[in-house]
Amino acid sequence: MTPLHYGQQDARRWAAFSGDYNPVHFDEAWVKAQGGSGLSVHGMRALLDVKRFISPPVDDAPFLKCTVRLRRPLWRDTAYRLTRDATKRVAASVREFSAEEACLSCQLTPEKHLPLVDGESQRVLDSSALATLHQAFMPLLPDAQQWHFLDALLFRHLLQDTALLRQQAIASMLPTCRTLDALFTLFPVVQTHQEVIFDSHLLASWRAESLPEHLEIDTLPALVVGDLASGAVVVRIAARTCYQHHYISNAVTLKVGALTKGKSNEPA
């Protein structure tokens, strides 16, 4: 068992790297006006610790799939426990110390391949941008593996990508916004799932000297279900990159709409 606890500094550090300034993590008055009860922890920030906790140093499988389910928020300044799930191959859950029900769960399973679909758009990060992002990331997880950094980088890309919300599937359902993070101020947005598939070579340690000269990131086709008039839209967005000839993809499922007054979803 590993204790977890997150405060304001954790939120600021993750936002500085990812650009995720969702008001559910910073503006308590806004949260309560939307029917929420308090400030929550970035789900992806907590998942950095969970993914590091369960990651093996090597694996015989050609690819690994990391499956995440975010069931309820983690609250600021609250004590949690991170424990392994002995009934599964490589899995862990986060719970409040006084509770048995999991707030989030994460599992690694072997995969034979990573499906390669055509991207909708592409962005290239140069060496300068990558160096800046590396510096912002390292305080979050100093002993990160390559897939941890790339996973977080792909999530950041999805928040900042100006082409994502122009995809027809999204543009026809959601209000016009330049980027996904701009949507956070218009509607409550909660993350419910994540799926990362990556080459097992990316279990290697991430180091400053690992920085490439550039990195191409593809934004993949989005999937949208529901409509805001009915209360909520479920959006599955995804991105992919190739680092040193090793692929990794990151798919995130978001619920856009009214905040749940209970604790059923984790804010992004």
Protein backbone atom coordinates (compact mmCIF):
# COMPACT_ATOMS: atom_id res chain seq x y z
CA MET A 1 0.00 0.00 0.00
CA THR A 2 1.22 3.48 -0.93
CA PRO A 3 -0.37 6.61 0.59
CA LEU A 4 -1.39 9.41 -1.79
CA HIS A 5 -2.22 13.02 -1.01
CA TYR A 6 -2.62 15.94 -3.42
CA GLY A 7 -2.78 19.67 -2.78
CA GLN A 8 -2.69 23.00 -4.57
CA GLN A 9 0.96 22.66 -5.63
CA ASP A 10 0.21 19.37 -7.39
CA ALA A 11 -2.63 21.01 -9.31
CA ARG A 12 -0.45 23.96 -10.34
CA ARG A 13 2.44 21.76 -11.47
CA TRP A 14 0.21 19.53 -13.58
CA ALA A 15 -1.56 22.51 -15.11
CA ALA A 16 1.79 24.16 -15.91
CA PHE A 17 2.74 21.08 -17.93
CA SER A 18 -0.59 20.09 -19.47
CA GLY A 19 -2.40 23.40 -19.76
CA ASP A 20 -5.34 21.83 -17.90
CA TYR A 21 -6.79 24.77 -15.98
CA ASN A 22 -10.25 23.23 -15.74
CA PRO A 23 -12.05 25.30 -13.06
CA VAL A 24 -13.16 22.12 -11.28
CA HIS A 25 -9.59 22.01 -9.93
CA PHE A 26 -9.10 25.70 -9.13
CA ASP A 27 -12.37 27.61 -8.68
CA GLU A 28 -14.42 26.31 -5.74
CA ALA A 29 -17.16 28.90 -6.19
CA TRP A 30 -17.60 27.86 -9.83
CA VAL A 31 -17.75 24.19 -8.85
CA LYS A 32 -20.44 24.79 -6.24
CA ALA A 33 -22.44 26.92 -8.67
CA GLN A 34 -22.45 23.91 -11.02
CA GLY A 35 -23.70 21.57 -8.29
CA GLY A 36 -20.34 20.18 -7.19
CA SER A 37 -19.02 19.97 -3.64
CA GLY A 38 -15.35 21.00 -3.76
CA LEU A 39 -12.05 21.11 -5.62
CA SER A 40 -10.89 17.84 -7.11
CA VAL A 41 -7.51 16.46 -8.12
CA HIS A 42 -6.59 16.23 -11.81
CA GLY A 43 -7.31 12.62 -12.71
CA MET A 44 -4.31 12.46 -15.03
CA ARG A 45 -2.03 13.81 -12.29
CA ALA A 46 -3.04 11.04 -9.91
CA LEU A 47 -2.68 8.49 -12.69
CA LEU A 48 1.00 9.37 -13.09
CA ASP A 49 1.60 7.85 -9.67
CA VAL A 50 -0.65 4.87 -10.36
CA LYS A 51 1.00 4.08 -13.69
CA ARG A 52 4.47 4.32 -12.17
CA PHE A 53 3.33 2.06 -9.33
CA ILE A 54 2.25 -0.78 -11.64
CA SER A 55 4.79 -0.39 -14.47
CA PRO A 56 7.28 -3.26 -14.80
CA PRO A 57 10.87 -2.48 -15.89
CA VAL A 58 10.49 -4.78 -18.92
CA ASP A 59 7.83 -7.02 -20.48
CA ASP A 60 7.89 -9.85 -23.03
CA ALA A 61 4.71 -8.70 -24.79
CA PRO A 62 5.27 -6.63 -27.96
CA PHE A 63 2.72 -4.05 -26.77
CA LEU A 64 0.95 -3.22 -23.52
CA LYS A 65 -2.49 -1.73 -22.99
CA CYS A 66 -3.16 0.49 -19.99
CA THR A 67 -6.88 0.60 -19.22
CA VAL A 68 -8.14 3.24 -16.79
CA ARG A 69 -11.57 3.72 -15.24
CA LEU A 70 -12.25 6.90 -13.26
CA ARG A 71 -15.29 6.29 -11.08
CA ARG A 72 -15.37 9.23 -8.65
CA PRO A 73 -13.27 12.30 -7.92
CA LEU A 74 -10.18 12.43 -5.76
CA TRP A 75 -10.52 15.46 -3.52
CA ARG A 76 -7.87 17.99 -2.63
CA ASP A 77 -6.08 17.56 0.71
CA THR A 78 -7.56 14.09 1.32
CA ALA A 79 -5.69 10.91 2.22
CA TYR A 80 -5.88 8.02 -0.25
CA ARG A 81 -4.31 4.57 -0.50
CA LEU A 82 -2.91 3.02 -3.67
CA THR A 83 -3.02 -0.79 -3.61
CA ARG A 84 -2.35 -3.63 -6.02
CA ASP A 85 -5.18 -5.86 -7.20
CA ALA A 86 -3.99 -9.40 -6.50
CA THR A 87 -6.74 -10.92 -8.66
CA LYS A 88 -5.45 -9.35 -11.90
CA ARG A 89 -2.18 -9.58 -13.85
CA VAL A 90 -0.92 -6.03 -13.28
CA ALA A 91 -3.50 -3.73 -11.74
CA ALA A 92 -4.02 -1.20 -8.96
CA SER A 93 -6.75 0.95 -7.44
CA VAL A 94 -6.98 4.17 -5.46
CA ARG A 95 -9.36 4.42 -2.50
CA GLU A 96 -9.97 6.74 0.39
CA PHE A 97 -8.39 5.32 3.54
CA SER A 98 -11.80 4.83 5.14
CA ALA A 99 -13.55 3.38 2.07
CA GLU A 100 -13.56 0.12 0.14
CA GLU A 101 -14.99 1.38 -3.14
CA ALA A 102 -12.36 2.41 -5.70
CA CYS A 103 -12.13 5.99 -6.95
CA LEU A 104 -10.07 4.90 -9.95
CA SER A 105 -8.53 1.72 -11.28
CA CYS A 106 -5.70 1.01 -13.71
CA GLN A 107 -4.61 -2.23 -15.38
CA LEU A 108 -1.81 -3.27 -17.77
CA THR A 109 -2.48 -6.16 -20.16
CA PRO A 110 -0.42 -7.60 -23.05
CA GLU A 111 -1.31 -6.69 -26.64
CA LYS A 112 -0.07 -8.16 -29.91
CA HIS A 113 -0.27 -4.96 -31.93
CA LEU A 114 -1.32 -1.31 -31.93
CA PRO A 115 -4.04 -0.54 -34.50
CA LEU A 116 -2.83 2.14 -36.90
CA VAL A 117 -5.62 4.33 -38.24
CA ASP A 118 -5.20 7.43 -40.39
CA GLY A 119 -4.85 10.64 -38.45
CA GLU A 120 -7.11 13.65 -38.96
CA SER A 121 -4.33 16.19 -38.40
CA GLN A 122 -0.70 16.37 -37.30
CA ARG A 123 1.46 18.64 -35.19
CA VAL A 124 5.25 18.60 -34.91
CA LEU A 125 7.02 19.53 -31.67
CA ASP A 126 10.59 20.77 -32.19
CA SER A 127 13.52 20.17 -29.86
CA SER A 128 13.04 23.48 -28.04
CA ALA A 129 9.39 22.77 -27.26
CA LEU A 130 10.21 19.24 -26.13
CA ALA A 131 12.98 20.49 -23.83
CA THR A 132 10.59 22.97 -22.22
CA LEU A 133 7.96 20.27 -21.69
CA HIS A 134 10.58 17.91 -20.29
CA GLN A 135 11.57 20.50 -17.70
CA ALA A 136 7.93 21.03 -16.70
CA PHE A 137 7.26 17.29 -16.47
CA MET A 138 10.23 16.11 -14.42
CA PRO A 139 9.03 17.53 -11.04
CA LEU A 140 5.82 15.54 -11.52
CA LEU A 141 7.50 12.14 -11.92
CA PRO A 142 11.32 12.25 -11.65
CA ASP A 143 11.71 8.48 -12.22
CA ALA A 144 9.36 8.31 -15.21
CA GLN A 145 9.52 5.71 -17.94
CA GLN A 146 9.32 6.77 -21.58
CA TRP A 147 5.66 5.84 -21.92
CA HIS A 148 4.73 7.93 -18.87
CA PHE A 149 6.12 11.10 -20.45
CA LEU A 150 4.70 10.35 -23.90
CA ASP A 151 1.28 9.47 -22.46
CA ALA A 152 1.17 12.80 -20.61
CA LEU A 153 2.43 14.61 -23.70
CA LEU A 154 -0.35 13.14 -25.84
CA PHE A 155 -2.95 14.19 -23.27
CA ARG A 156 -1.53 17.71 -23.31
CA HIS A 157 -1.68 17.69 -27.10
CA LEU A 158 -5.38 16.78 -27.06
CA LEU A 159 -6.12 19.72 -24.77
CA GLN A 160 -4.14 22.20 -26.86
CA ASP A 161 -4.76 20.95 -30.41
CA THR A 162 -6.56 23.60 -32.45
CA ALA A 163 -7.62 21.06 -35.09
CA LEU A 164 -9.39 18.65 -32.73
CA LEU A 165 -12.61 20.61 -32.24
CA ARG A 166 -12.82 21.27 -35.98
CA GLN A 167 -13.36 17.57 -36.65
CA GLN A 168 -16.89 17.22 -38.03
CA ALA A 169 -17.98 14.74 -35.36
CA ILE A 170 -17.19 17.28 -32.63
CA ALA A 171 -17.97 20.54 -34.45
CA SER A 172 -21.54 19.42 -35.13
CA MET A 173 -22.20 18.66 -31.46
CA LEU A 174 -20.29 21.20 -29.36
CA PRO A 175 -20.04 25.01 -29.35
CA THR A 176 -17.25 26.62 -31.31
CA CYS A 177 -14.05 26.75 -29.24
CA ARG A 178 -10.45 27.07 -30.32
CA THR A 179 -9.21 24.23 -28.12
CA LEU A 180 -10.62 21.66 -25.72
CA ASP A 181 -9.32 23.46 -22.65
CA ALA A 182 -11.39 26.51 -23.66
CA LEU A 183 -14.48 24.31 -23.41
CA PHE A 184 -13.84 23.83 -19.69
CA THR A 185 -15.07 27.34 -18.89
CA LEU A 186 -18.34 26.77 -20.77
CA PHE A 187 -19.35 23.31 -19.53
CA PRO A 188 -18.35 20.90 -16.80
CA VAL A 189 -16.03 18.30 -18.37
CA VAL A 190 -15.24 15.04 -16.57
CA GLN A 191 -12.95 12.22 -17.65
CA THR A 192 -14.38 8.71 -17.30
CA HIS A 193 -11.92 6.42 -19.12
CA GLN A 194 -8.48 6.25 -20.69
CA GLU A 195 -6.81 3.64 -22.89
CA VAL A 196 -3.11 3.79 -23.71
CA ILE A 197 -1.49 1.24 -26.03
CA PHE A 198 2.28 1.35 -26.32
CA ASP A 199 5.31 -0.57 -27.52
CA SER A 200 6.84 -2.36 -24.52
CA HIS A 201 10.25 -0.88 -25.40
CA LEU A 202 8.82 2.37 -24.00
CA LEU A 203 9.11 0.90 -20.50
CA ALA A 204 12.69 2.20 -20.62
CA SER A 205 13.58 5.13 -18.37
CA TRP A 206 12.91 8.66 -19.62
CA ARG A 207 15.94 10.95 -19.47
CA ALA A 208 16.87 14.40 -20.71
CA GLU A 209 19.26 12.88 -23.24
CA SER A 210 16.30 10.92 -24.62
CA LEU A 211 14.81 14.06 -26.19
CA PRO A 212 14.47 13.71 -29.98
CA GLU A 213 15.06 16.51 -32.47
CA HIS A 214 11.33 16.57 -33.17
CA LEU A 215 8.20 14.55 -32.45
CA GLU A 216 5.22 14.14 -34.76
CA ILE A 217 1.83 13.81 -33.05
CA ASP A 218 -1.24 12.65 -34.96
CA THR A 219 -4.74 13.54 -33.79
CA LEU A 220 -6.99 10.57 -34.51
CA PRO A 221 -10.71 10.58 -35.45
CA ALA A 222 -13.01 11.47 -32.55
CA LEU A 223 -16.20 9.67 -31.58
CA VAL A 224 -19.16 11.57 -30.14
CA VAL A 225 -22.32 10.15 -28.58
CA GLY A 226 -25.33 12.10 -27.28
CA ASP A 227 -26.17 15.80 -27.42
CA LEU A 228 -26.06 18.71 -24.99
CA ALA A 229 -29.80 19.31 -25.34
CA SER A 230 -30.35 15.93 -23.68
CA GLY A 231 -27.96 16.78 -20.87
CA ALA A 232 -24.53 15.50 -21.84
CA VAL A 233 -22.20 14.49 -24.65
CA VAL A 234 -19.67 11.65 -24.40
CA VAL A 235 -16.54 12.31 -26.48
CA ARG A 236 -13.72 9.88 -27.19
CA ILE A 237 -10.60 11.67 -28.40
CA ALA A 238 -7.24 10.13 -29.25
CA ALA A 239 -3.71 10.93 -30.36
CA ARG A 240 -0.66 8.92 -31.39
CA THR A 241 3.07 9.39 -31.76
CA CYS A 242 6.15 7.37 -32.64
CA TYR A 243 9.28 7.75 -30.51
CA GLN A 244 12.50 6.02 -31.63
CA HIS A 245 10.40 3.78 -33.94
CA HIS A 246 8.09 2.78 -31.07
CA TYR A 247 4.40 3.72 -31.22
CA ILE A 248 2.11 4.87 -28.44
CA SER A 249 -1.54 5.94 -28.62
CA ASN A 250 -3.68 7.66 -26.00
CA ALA A 251 -7.50 7.62 -26.08
CA VAL A 252 -9.46 9.63 -23.50
CA THR A 253 -13.21 9.53 -22.89
CA LEU A 254 -14.81 12.73 -21.60
CA LYS A 255 -18.33 13.55 -20.49
CA VAL A 256 -19.35 17.10 -21.36
CA GLY A 257 -22.43 18.42 -19.58
CA ALA A 258 -23.92 18.84 -16.14
CA LEU A 259 -21.76 17.94 -13.15
CA THR A 260 -22.89 14.87 -11.29
CA LYS A 261 -23.84 15.93 -7.78
CA GLY A 262 -22.61 12.64 -6.38
CA LYS A 263 -19.17 11.16 -6.95
CA SER A 264 -19.53 9.12 -10.10
CA ASN A 265 -16.98 10.78 -12.37
CA GLU A 266 -13.48 12.20 -12.20
CA PRO A 267 -12.92 15.74 -13.50
CA ALA A 268 -10.33 15.87 -16.26
